[in-house]
Amino acid sequence: MTNESAQNKMSWMHHGRSKVGWATAIVAAGLVFLGTPTAVGQTSRGGKAKTLYSFTGGNDGGSPYAGLIRDAQGNLYGATFYGGTANLGAVFKVDQKGRETVLYSFTGKPDGEHPSSDLLIDSAGNLYGAAYEGGANGYGAVFKVSKHGKERVLYSFTPGSDGEYPGSGLIQDASGNLYGTTGYGGVSGNGTVFKISKSGKEKILHSFTGSDGQYPFCTLLMDGSGNFYGTTSSGGDFGFGTVFRLSHNGKVKSLHSFADGTDGANPYSGLVQDQQGNFYGTTYYGGAGCQGYDCGTVFKITARGKETVLHAFGLYDGHYPDFGTLALNAAGNLYGTTYAGGQGDMGVVFKVNSNSGKENIVYTFTGGPDEGFPVAGLVQDASGNLYGTTLGNPPSSNGTVFRIKP
């Protein structure tokens, strides 16, 4: 593994898959209602999975890199990287019965292209997200989609000292300002943390220099004092990524620099925090498992920056936990996905206890109705059910929305 491979991973993930065989768009953007029969699968560990919706790669969307968000009625919302009427991605809704509605299909410059981030929903039901490309300048955009499917580009990124290619989800403060990260751009080209006001005015809060981190793709975590926490996929003391804190006055402190080897390497996911102030996340590479093949880790970092590897993925469990932020429940269990690994090497849903580090495989993807290859995180309901998305393997399969009862 090289630092170049970490730098190029986002580009490979988004552009390396063949577009041959995708359906040609034939209708205008708007509200489109579609439906696909559901399917059920079962793991040997007892986790029951149900495919709520299977994407076709056509007007309904395809290849969701983004995870899901639930509203109070249990409806699920997300974005697909491909598909939609112009094959540039779509924002969708899936109800509890597995019926999909396309809320918006992206049309390309000056509109966004290829949304890759988890969505944010406000109290009025408006959805916010980031398109990895497109916008007025082709370097990505932040958008808003109303519950009725009306879209507005809030900000288009520009080359140079501005951010480029936003790959993260967004968070919102009490005043309605949005915050996120761009994987590239900024003063040194190493990525940024940005703020966008309700009126669409952007401010770069920090441009990474390399020594303090490079190429952040994480969704930020904000504390009650206005400090932000996140990860960079590269850079830092050893070149393999960092966990950072950005204070409300713009000062960055590296809480941990990953060193590869038995330590983790190249975190793409965001962080989750427990009531004691500890942070948890994943690294795509590194760890002592996989007989040196670097299959990734689940880690814990205290507020003072002490790191513990809770679990190193091995040959027979998951490999390569990707963009998804972990889900933490009240019992201290962490849930997440890996892009590969498991019996069919198509990914797993895992549980790691935040105290003991004990891991259990909740579900192993088979490549059947579940299609496999999840890269996003999970969302959990009050009953403990987990919801997420899979990429599938285009053009033969184009991803799913699934539910798992652990």
Protein backbone atom coordinates (compact mmCIF):
# COMPACT_ATOMS: atom_id res chain seq x y z
CA MET A 1 0.00 0.00 0.00
CA THR A 2 1.28 3.46 -0.86
CA ASN A 3 0.15 6.96 -0.02
CA GLU A 4 -0.65 7.37 -3.71
CA SER A 5 -3.16 4.55 -3.44
CA ALA A 6 -4.86 6.36 -0.56
CA GLN A 7 -4.88 9.62 -2.50
CA ASN A 8 -6.42 8.02 -5.55
CA LYS A 9 -8.93 5.81 -3.78
CA MET A 10 -11.82 8.25 -3.96
CA SER A 11 -11.26 8.68 -7.67
CA TRP A 12 -11.13 4.91 -8.19
CA MET A 13 -14.23 4.30 -6.13
CA HIS A 14 -16.25 6.84 -8.08
CA HIS A 15 -14.83 6.51 -11.57
CA GLY A 16 -13.25 3.07 -11.80
CA ARG A 17 -16.45 1.10 -12.36
CA SER A 18 -17.66 0.58 -15.90
CA LYS A 19 -20.60 2.63 -17.11
CA VAL A 20 -21.28 0.19 -19.97
CA GLY A 21 -24.83 -1.11 -19.96
CA TRP A 22 -26.43 1.69 -17.99
CA ALA A 23 -29.95 2.54 -19.10
CA THR A 24 -30.36 5.67 -21.21
CA ALA A 25 -32.33 8.46 -19.51
CA ILE A 26 -35.61 9.15 -21.29
CA VAL A 27 -37.74 11.32 -18.99
CA ALA A 28 -37.31 14.73 -17.39
CA ALA A 29 -36.18 15.22 -13.76
CA GLY A 30 -38.97 15.23 -11.19
CA LEU A 31 -40.99 12.93 -8.95
CA VAL A 32 -40.90 9.37 -10.27
CA PHE A 33 -42.56 6.46 -8.45
CA LEU A 34 -41.16 2.96 -8.90
CA GLY A 35 -41.28 -0.35 -7.08
CA THR A 36 -39.35 -3.61 -6.86
CA PRO A 37 -40.33 -6.79 -5.01
CA THR A 38 -38.50 -7.41 -1.76
CA ALA A 39 -36.29 -10.37 -0.92
CA VAL A 40 -35.13 -12.00 2.30
CA GLY A 41 -31.80 -13.58 3.32
CA GLN A 42 -30.40 -15.18 6.50
CA THR A 43 -26.92 -15.50 8.00
CA SER A 44 -25.59 -18.39 10.05
CA ARG A 45 -25.21 -15.93 12.94
CA GLY A 46 -28.94 -15.22 12.98
CA GLY A 47 -29.05 -11.73 11.43
CA LYS A 48 -32.08 -11.52 9.17
CA ALA A 49 -31.71 -9.25 6.13
CA LYS A 50 -34.46 -7.94 3.90
CA THR A 51 -33.84 -6.11 0.65
CA LEU A 52 -36.31 -3.24 0.74
CA TYR A 53 -35.47 -1.96 -2.73
CA SER A 54 -33.19 -2.95 -5.63
CA PHE A 55 -31.99 -0.21 -7.97
CA THR A 56 -32.07 -0.85 -11.70
CA GLY A 57 -29.40 1.67 -12.69
CA GLY A 58 -31.96 3.53 -14.80
CA ASN A 59 -34.27 6.38 -13.90
CA ASP A 60 -34.60 5.09 -10.34
CA GLY A 61 -30.88 5.51 -9.60
CA GLY A 62 -27.93 3.18 -9.15
CA SER A 63 -24.80 2.60 -7.05
CA PRO A 64 -25.54 4.42 -3.77
CA TYR A 65 -22.26 5.37 -2.10
CA ALA A 66 -24.28 7.34 0.44
CA GLY A 67 -25.95 5.92 3.49
CA LEU A 68 -29.52 6.53 4.64
CA ILE A 69 -31.38 8.88 6.92
CA ARG A 70 -34.80 8.15 8.48
CA ASP A 71 -37.65 10.54 9.20
CA ALA A 72 -40.13 10.28 12.06
CA GLN A 73 -42.46 8.16 9.93
CA GLY A 74 -39.75 5.61 9.15
CA ASN A 75 -39.19 6.70 5.56
CA LEU A 76 -35.62 6.35 4.30
CA TYR A 77 -33.78 8.92 2.18
CA GLY A 78 -30.52 8.68 0.29
CA ALA A 79 -28.66 9.46 -2.92
CA THR A 80 -27.31 7.36 -5.76
CA PHE A 81 -24.06 8.16 -7.55
CA TYR A 82 -25.36 7.03 -10.94
CA GLY A 83 -28.77 6.57 -12.49
CA GLY A 84 -31.56 9.10 -12.62
CA THR A 85 -32.77 10.65 -15.85
CA ALA A 86 -29.29 11.82 -16.91
CA ASN A 87 -27.28 9.01 -15.25
CA LEU A 88 -25.70 11.65 -13.00
CA GLY A 89 -27.32 10.50 -9.77
CA ALA A 90 -30.58 10.94 -7.90
CA VAL A 91 -32.09 11.70 -4.49
CA PHE A 92 -34.62 9.07 -3.47
CA LYS A 93 -37.13 8.09 -0.79
CA VAL A 94 -38.02 4.52 0.19
CA ASP A 95 -41.06 4.00 2.43
CA GLN A 96 -41.60 1.23 4.97
CA LYS A 97 -43.18 -0.98 2.32
CA GLY A 98 -40.15 -0.74 0.04
CA ARG A 99 -41.70 1.63 -2.48
CA GLU A 100 -39.22 4.06 -4.01
CA THR A 101 -39.87 7.64 -5.11
CA VAL A 102 -37.20 9.58 -7.00
CA LEU A 103 -37.34 13.07 -5.54
CA TYR A 104 -34.78 14.58 -7.89
CA SER A 105 -32.50 13.57 -10.76
CA PHE A 106 -29.33 15.59 -11.28
CA THR A 107 -28.86 17.15 -14.70
CA GLY A 108 -25.19 18.25 -14.75
CA LYS A 109 -23.52 21.67 -14.86
CA PRO A 110 -24.56 24.07 -13.43
CA ASP A 111 -26.49 21.50 -11.41
CA GLY A 112 -24.64 18.93 -9.31
CA GLU A 113 -23.40 15.58 -10.58
CA HIS A 114 -22.80 12.27 -8.76
CA PRO A 115 -23.93 12.85 -5.15
CA SER A 116 -21.84 10.67 -2.86
CA SER A 117 -22.63 11.94 0.64
CA ASP A 118 -25.14 11.01 3.30
CA LEU A 119 -28.08 13.39 3.34
CA LEU A 120 -29.13 15.72 6.13
CA ILE A 121 -32.83 16.36 6.87
CA ASP A 122 -34.21 19.40 8.69
CA SER A 123 -37.42 19.82 10.69
CA ALA A 124 -39.33 20.91 7.57
CA GLY A 125 -38.30 17.80 5.66
CA ASN A 126 -35.76 19.52 3.41
CA LEU A 127 -32.76 17.41 2.41
CA TYR A 128 -29.20 18.69 2.10
CA GLY A 129 -26.21 17.00 0.55
CA ALA A 130 -23.07 17.32 -1.53
CA ALA A 131 -22.52 16.39 -5.16
CA TYR A 132 -18.98 15.18 -5.73
CA GLU A 133 -18.81 16.82 -9.17
CA GLY A 134 -20.80 19.32 -11.18
CA GLY A 135 -21.98 22.68 -9.98
CA ALA A 136 -21.30 25.81 -11.98
CA ASN A 137 -17.57 25.08 -12.16
CA GLY A 138 -17.44 21.29 -12.26
CA TYR A 139 -15.78 20.88 -8.85
CA GLY A 140 -18.82 19.86 -6.84
CA ALA A 141 -21.77 21.52 -5.18
CA VAL A 142 -23.85 21.67 -2.02
CA PHE A 143 -27.56 21.28 -2.73
CA LYS A 144 -30.98 21.39 -1.09
CA VAL A 145 -33.97 19.28 -2.14
CA SER A 146 -37.41 20.03 -0.70
CA LYS A 147 -39.79 17.25 0.34
CA HIS A 148 -41.69 17.99 -2.87
CA GLY A 149 -38.60 17.42 -5.04
CA LYS A 150 -37.60 21.00 -5.79
CA GLU A 151 -33.81 21.34 -5.90
CA ARG A 152 -31.52 24.35 -5.44
CA VAL A 153 -27.74 24.52 -5.64
CA LEU A 154 -26.64 26.40 -2.52
CA TYR A 155 -22.96 26.65 -3.45
CA SER A 156 -20.68 25.63 -6.31
CA PHE A 157 -17.01 24.99 -5.50
CA THR A 158 -14.28 26.65 -7.54
CA PRO A 159 -10.71 25.51 -8.26
CA GLY A 160 -7.78 26.92 -6.33
CA SER A 161 -7.92 27.97 -2.71
CA ASP A 162 -11.57 26.98 -2.46
CA GLY A 163 -12.46 23.36 -1.76
CA GLU A 164 -12.85 20.82 -4.54
CA TYR A 165 -14.83 17.56 -4.74
CA PRO A 166 -16.91 17.35 -1.55
CA GLY A 167 -17.29 13.73 -0.51
CA SER A 168 -18.67 14.11 3.00
CA GLY A 169 -22.08 14.37 4.52
CA LEU A 170 -23.17 17.70 5.98
CA ILE A 171 -24.01 18.77 9.52
CA GLN A 172 -26.05 21.81 10.53
CA ASP A 173 -25.88 24.13 13.53
CA ALA A 174 -28.79 25.76 15.36
CA SER A 175 -28.58 28.80 13.07
CA GLY A 176 -28.92 26.71 9.92
CA ASN A 177 -25.30 26.93 8.79
CA LEU A 178 -23.94 23.84 7.01
CA TYR A 179 -20.49 22.31 7.53
CA GLY A 180 -18.57 19.67 5.61
CA THR A 181 -15.27 18.66 4.06
CA THR A 182 -13.83 18.57 0.56
CA GLY A 183 -11.35 15.85 -0.32
CA TYR A 184 -9.22 18.17 -2.41
CA GLY A 185 -8.65 21.86 -3.04
CA GLY A 186 -7.75 24.52 -0.52
CA VAL A 187 -4.53 26.54 -0.35
CA SER A 188 -2.29 23.45 -0.61
CA GLY A 189 -4.65 21.19 -2.56
CA ASN A 190 -5.00 18.82 0.40
CA GLY A 191 -8.66 19.40 1.22
CA THR A 192 -10.70 21.71 3.40
CA VAL A 193 -13.29 22.12 6.12
CA PHE A 194 -16.00 24.56 4.97
CA LYS A 195 -19.02 26.44 6.25
CA ILE A 196 -21.99 27.54 4.14
CA SER A 197 -24.47 30.04 5.55
CA LYS A 198 -28.22 29.93 5.02
CA SER A 199 -27.79 32.55 2.30
CA GLY A 200 -25.24 30.37 0.44
CA LYS A 201 -22.10 32.26 1.43
CA GLU A 202 -19.10 29.95 1.87
CA LYS A 203 -16.18 30.28 4.27
CA ILE A 204 -13.15 27.98 4.36
CA LEU A 205 -12.55 27.17 8.03
CA HIS A 206 -9.34 25.26 7.39
CA SER A 207 -7.14 24.21 4.49
CA PHE A 208 -5.08 21.12 5.26
CA THR A 209 -1.36 21.37 4.67
CA GLY A 210 -0.32 17.73 4.61
CA SER A 211 1.51 17.71 7.93
CA ASP A 212 -1.83 18.22 9.69
CA GLY A 213 -3.64 15.82 7.36
CA GLN A 214 -4.63 15.36 3.73
CA TYR A 215 -7.77 14.42 1.82
CA PRO A 216 -10.66 14.44 4.33
CA PHE A 217 -13.77 12.57 3.17
CA CYS A 218 -15.45 12.32 6.58
CA THR A 219 -18.68 13.74 7.87
CA LEU A 220 -17.77 16.09 10.70
CA LEU A 221 -18.76 15.71 14.35
CA MET A 222 -19.48 18.93 16.27
CA ASP A 223 -19.48 19.29 20.08
CA GLY A 224 -21.46 21.72 22.24
CA SER A 225 -18.66 24.28 22.15
CA GLY A 226 -18.54 24.47 18.37
CA ASN A 227 -15.40 22.37 17.92
CA PHE A 228 -15.27 19.93 15.00
CA TYR A 229 -13.77 16.44 14.91
CA GLY A 230 -12.98 14.29 11.93
CA THR A 231 -10.43 12.25 10.02
CA THR A 232 -8.14 12.75 7.06
CA SER A 233 -7.42 9.77 4.83
CA SER A 234 -3.74 10.62 4.38
CA GLY A 235 -1.08 12.98 5.72
CA GLY A 236 -0.07 13.54 9.31
CA ASP A 237 3.19 12.49 10.94
CA PHE A 238 3.49 9.22 9.00
CA GLY A 239 1.43 9.90 5.90
CA PHE A 240 -1.38 7.46 6.71
CA GLY A 241 -4.06 9.83 7.98
CA THR A 242 -5.13 11.58 11.15
CA VAL A 243 -7.86 12.18 13.67
CA PHE A 244 -8.17 15.95 14.11
CA ARG A 245 -9.94 18.59 16.15
CA LEU A 246 -10.76 21.96 14.61
CA SER A 247 -11.57 24.55 17.25
CA HIS A 248 -14.29 27.14 16.79
CA ASN A 249 -11.57 29.74 16.16
CA GLY A 250 -10.02 27.74 13.31
CA LYS A 251 -7.06 26.07 15.03
CA VAL A 252 -6.38 22.44 14.07
CA LYS A 253 -4.86 19.89 16.43
CA SER A 254 -3.98 16.36 15.39
CA LEU A 255 -5.24 13.99 18.07
CA HIS A 256 -3.62 10.97 16.39
CA SER A 257 -1.50 10.24 13.33
CA PHE A 258 -1.92 6.73 11.99
CA ALA A 259 1.30 4.77 11.45
CA ASP A 260 0.10 1.78 9.39
CA GLY A 261 1.34 -1.66 10.52
CA THR A 262 -0.58 -2.87 13.55
CA ASP A 263 -1.98 0.64 13.87
CA GLY A 264 -4.69 1.63 11.43
CA ALA A 265 -4.12 3.45 8.14
CA ASN A 266 -6.21 5.65 5.86
CA PRO A 267 -9.49 6.43 7.63
CA TYR A 268 -12.28 7.54 5.28
CA SER A 269 -15.11 7.47 7.79
CA GLY A 270 -16.23 10.04 10.32
CA LEU A 271 -16.26 9.67 14.09
CA VAL A 272 -18.89 8.85 16.68
CA GLN A 273 -18.54 9.86 20.36
CA ASP A 274 -19.73 8.21 23.57
CA GLN A 275 -20.93 9.92 26.74
CA GLN A 276 -17.43 9.76 28.24
CA GLY A 277 -15.99 11.75 25.36
CA ASN A 278 -14.23 8.88 23.58
CA PHE A 279 -14.22 8.77 19.79
CA TYR A 280 -14.66 5.71 17.58
CA GLY A 281 -13.98 5.20 13.90
CA THR A 282 -12.56 2.86 11.27
CA THR A 283 -9.51 2.73 9.04
CA TYR A 284 -9.63 1.24 5.56
CA TYR A 285 -6.15 -0.30 5.82
CA GLY A 286 -3.77 -1.24 8.63
CA GLY A 287 -4.19 -3.50 11.60
CA ALA A 288 -2.65 -6.81 12.60
CA GLY A 289 -5.18 -9.00 10.81
CA CYS A 290 -5.18 -10.50 7.32
CA GLN A 291 -1.64 -11.84 7.72
CA GLY A 292 -0.20 -8.49 6.75
CA TYR A 293 -2.74 -7.66 4.05
CA ASP A 294 -3.98 -4.58 5.93
CA CYS A 295 -7.72 -5.26 6.12
CA GLY A 296 -8.56 -2.31 8.37
CA THR A 297 -9.48 -1.60 11.96
CA VAL A 298 -12.04 -0.28 14.41
CA PHE A 299 -10.32 2.18 16.75
CA LYS A 300 -10.99 4.18 19.90
CA ILE A 301 -9.37 7.52 20.71
CA THR A 302 -9.75 9.36 23.98
CA ALA A 303 -10.31 13.11 24.10
CA ARG A 304 -6.58 13.42 24.92
CA GLY A 305 -5.57 11.46 21.84
CA LYS A 306 -4.73 8.01 23.22
CA GLU A 307 -5.57 5.42 20.59
CA THR A 308 -6.59 1.79 21.05
CA VAL A 309 -7.24 -0.60 18.20
CA LEU A 310 -10.43 -2.35 19.30
CA HIS A 311 -10.53 -4.77 16.39
CA ALA A 312 -8.30 -5.63 13.45
CA PHE A 313 -10.19 -7.26 10.61
CA GLY A 314 -8.83 -10.66 9.64
CA LEU A 315 -8.94 -13.17 6.84
CA TYR A 316 -12.38 -14.54 7.66
CA ASP A 317 -14.34 -11.54 8.80
CA GLY A 318 -14.87 -8.19 7.07
CA HIS A 319 -12.26 -6.37 5.00
CA TYR A 320 -11.97 -2.64 4.32
CA PRO A 321 -14.48 -0.62 6.32
CA ASP A 322 -15.08 2.36 4.05
CA PHE A 323 -16.87 5.72 4.15
CA GLY A 324 -19.55 4.88 6.70
CA THR A 325 -19.51 6.41 10.18
CA LEU A 326 -20.13 3.81 12.89
CA ALA A 327 -23.49 3.60 14.64
CA LEU A 328 -23.25 3.46 18.47
CA ASN A 329 -26.15 2.23 20.59
CA ALA A 330 -26.92 2.73 24.28
CA ALA A 331 -25.36 -0.64 25.18
CA GLY A 332 -21.99 0.48 23.81
CA ASN A 333 -22.09 -1.62 20.66
CA LEU A 334 -20.67 -0.23 17.42
CA TYR A 335 -22.23 -1.28 14.11
CA GLY A 336 -20.72 -0.82 10.67
CA THR A 337 -20.08 -2.32 7.25
CA THR A 338 -17.06 -3.52 5.30
CA TYR A 339 -16.78 -3.26 1.55
CA ALA A 340 -15.37 -6.79 1.19
CA GLY A 341 -14.68 -9.87 3.28
CA GLY A 342 -17.01 -12.49 4.64
CA GLN A 343 -17.60 -15.89 3.10
CA GLY A 344 -18.28 -14.55 -0.40
CA ASP A 345 -15.88 -11.59 -0.12
CA MET A 346 -18.81 -9.22 -0.71
CA GLY A 347 -18.81 -7.46 2.63
CA VAL A 348 -20.40 -7.80 6.04
CA VAL A 349 -22.34 -5.96 8.71
CA PHE A 350 -20.39 -6.19 11.96
CA LYS A 351 -20.82 -5.39 15.64
CA VAL A 352 -17.89 -4.44 17.89
CA ASN A 353 -18.29 -3.89 21.62
CA SER A 354 -16.74 -0.53 22.49
CA ASN A 355 -15.47 -1.81 25.85
CA SER A 356 -14.16 -5.30 25.13
CA GLY A 357 -13.46 -4.99 21.40
CA LYS A 358 -15.26 -8.29 20.78
CA GLU A 359 -16.53 -8.53 17.22
CA ASN A 360 -19.52 -10.42 15.87
CA ILE A 361 -20.56 -10.70 12.24
CA VAL A 362 -24.21 -9.67 12.11
CA TYR A 363 -24.71 -10.40 8.41
CA THR A 364 -22.60 -11.63 5.51
CA PHE A 365 -23.56 -10.40 2.05
CA THR A 366 -23.99 -13.12 -0.54
CA GLY A 367 -24.33 -11.29 -3.85
CA GLY A 368 -27.84 -12.67 -4.27
CA PRO A 369 -30.82 -10.41 -3.58
CA ASP A 370 -28.62 -8.36 -1.22
CA GLU A 371 -26.16 -7.69 -4.12
CA GLY A 372 -23.27 -6.98 -1.74
CA PHE A 373 -20.42 -4.45 -1.48
CA PRO A 374 -21.64 -1.91 1.10
CA VAL A 375 -19.50 1.22 1.52
CA ALA A 376 -21.81 3.43 3.61
CA GLY A 377 -22.71 3.39 7.28
CA LEU A 378 -25.86 2.22 9.02
CA VAL A 379 -28.80 3.89 10.70
CA GLN A 380 -30.66 2.18 13.55
CA ASP A 381 -34.31 2.48 14.60
CA ALA A 382 -35.80 2.26 18.09
CA SER A 383 -36.28 -1.50 17.73
CA GLY A 384 -32.62 -2.07 16.91
CA ASN A 385 -33.12 -2.72 13.19
CA LEU A 386 -30.27 -1.56 10.96
CA TYR A 387 -30.73 0.10 7.57
CA GLY A 388 -28.14 0.69 4.87
CA THR A 389 -27.21 0.53 1.20
CA THR A 390 -25.09 -1.70 -1.02
CA LEU A 391 -23.28 -0.75 -4.22
CA GLY A 392 -23.89 -3.96 -6.07
CA ASN A 393 -21.72 -4.79 -9.09
CA PRO A 394 -22.81 -2.82 -12.18
CA PRO A 395 -24.02 -3.49 -14.76
CA SER A 396 -25.30 -6.84 -13.47
CA SER A 397 -26.55 -5.29 -10.21
CA ASN A 398 -26.91 -1.68 -9.16
CA GLY A 399 -27.25 -1.65 -5.39
CA THR A 400 -29.95 -1.97 -2.77
CA VAL A 401 -31.58 -0.49 0.29
CA PHE A 402 -31.67 -3.12 3.04
CA ARG A 403 -32.89 -3.73 6.57
CA ILE A 404 -31.24 -6.13 9.02
CA LYS A 405 -32.70 -7.43 12.26
CA PRO A 406 -29.65 -8.41 14.35
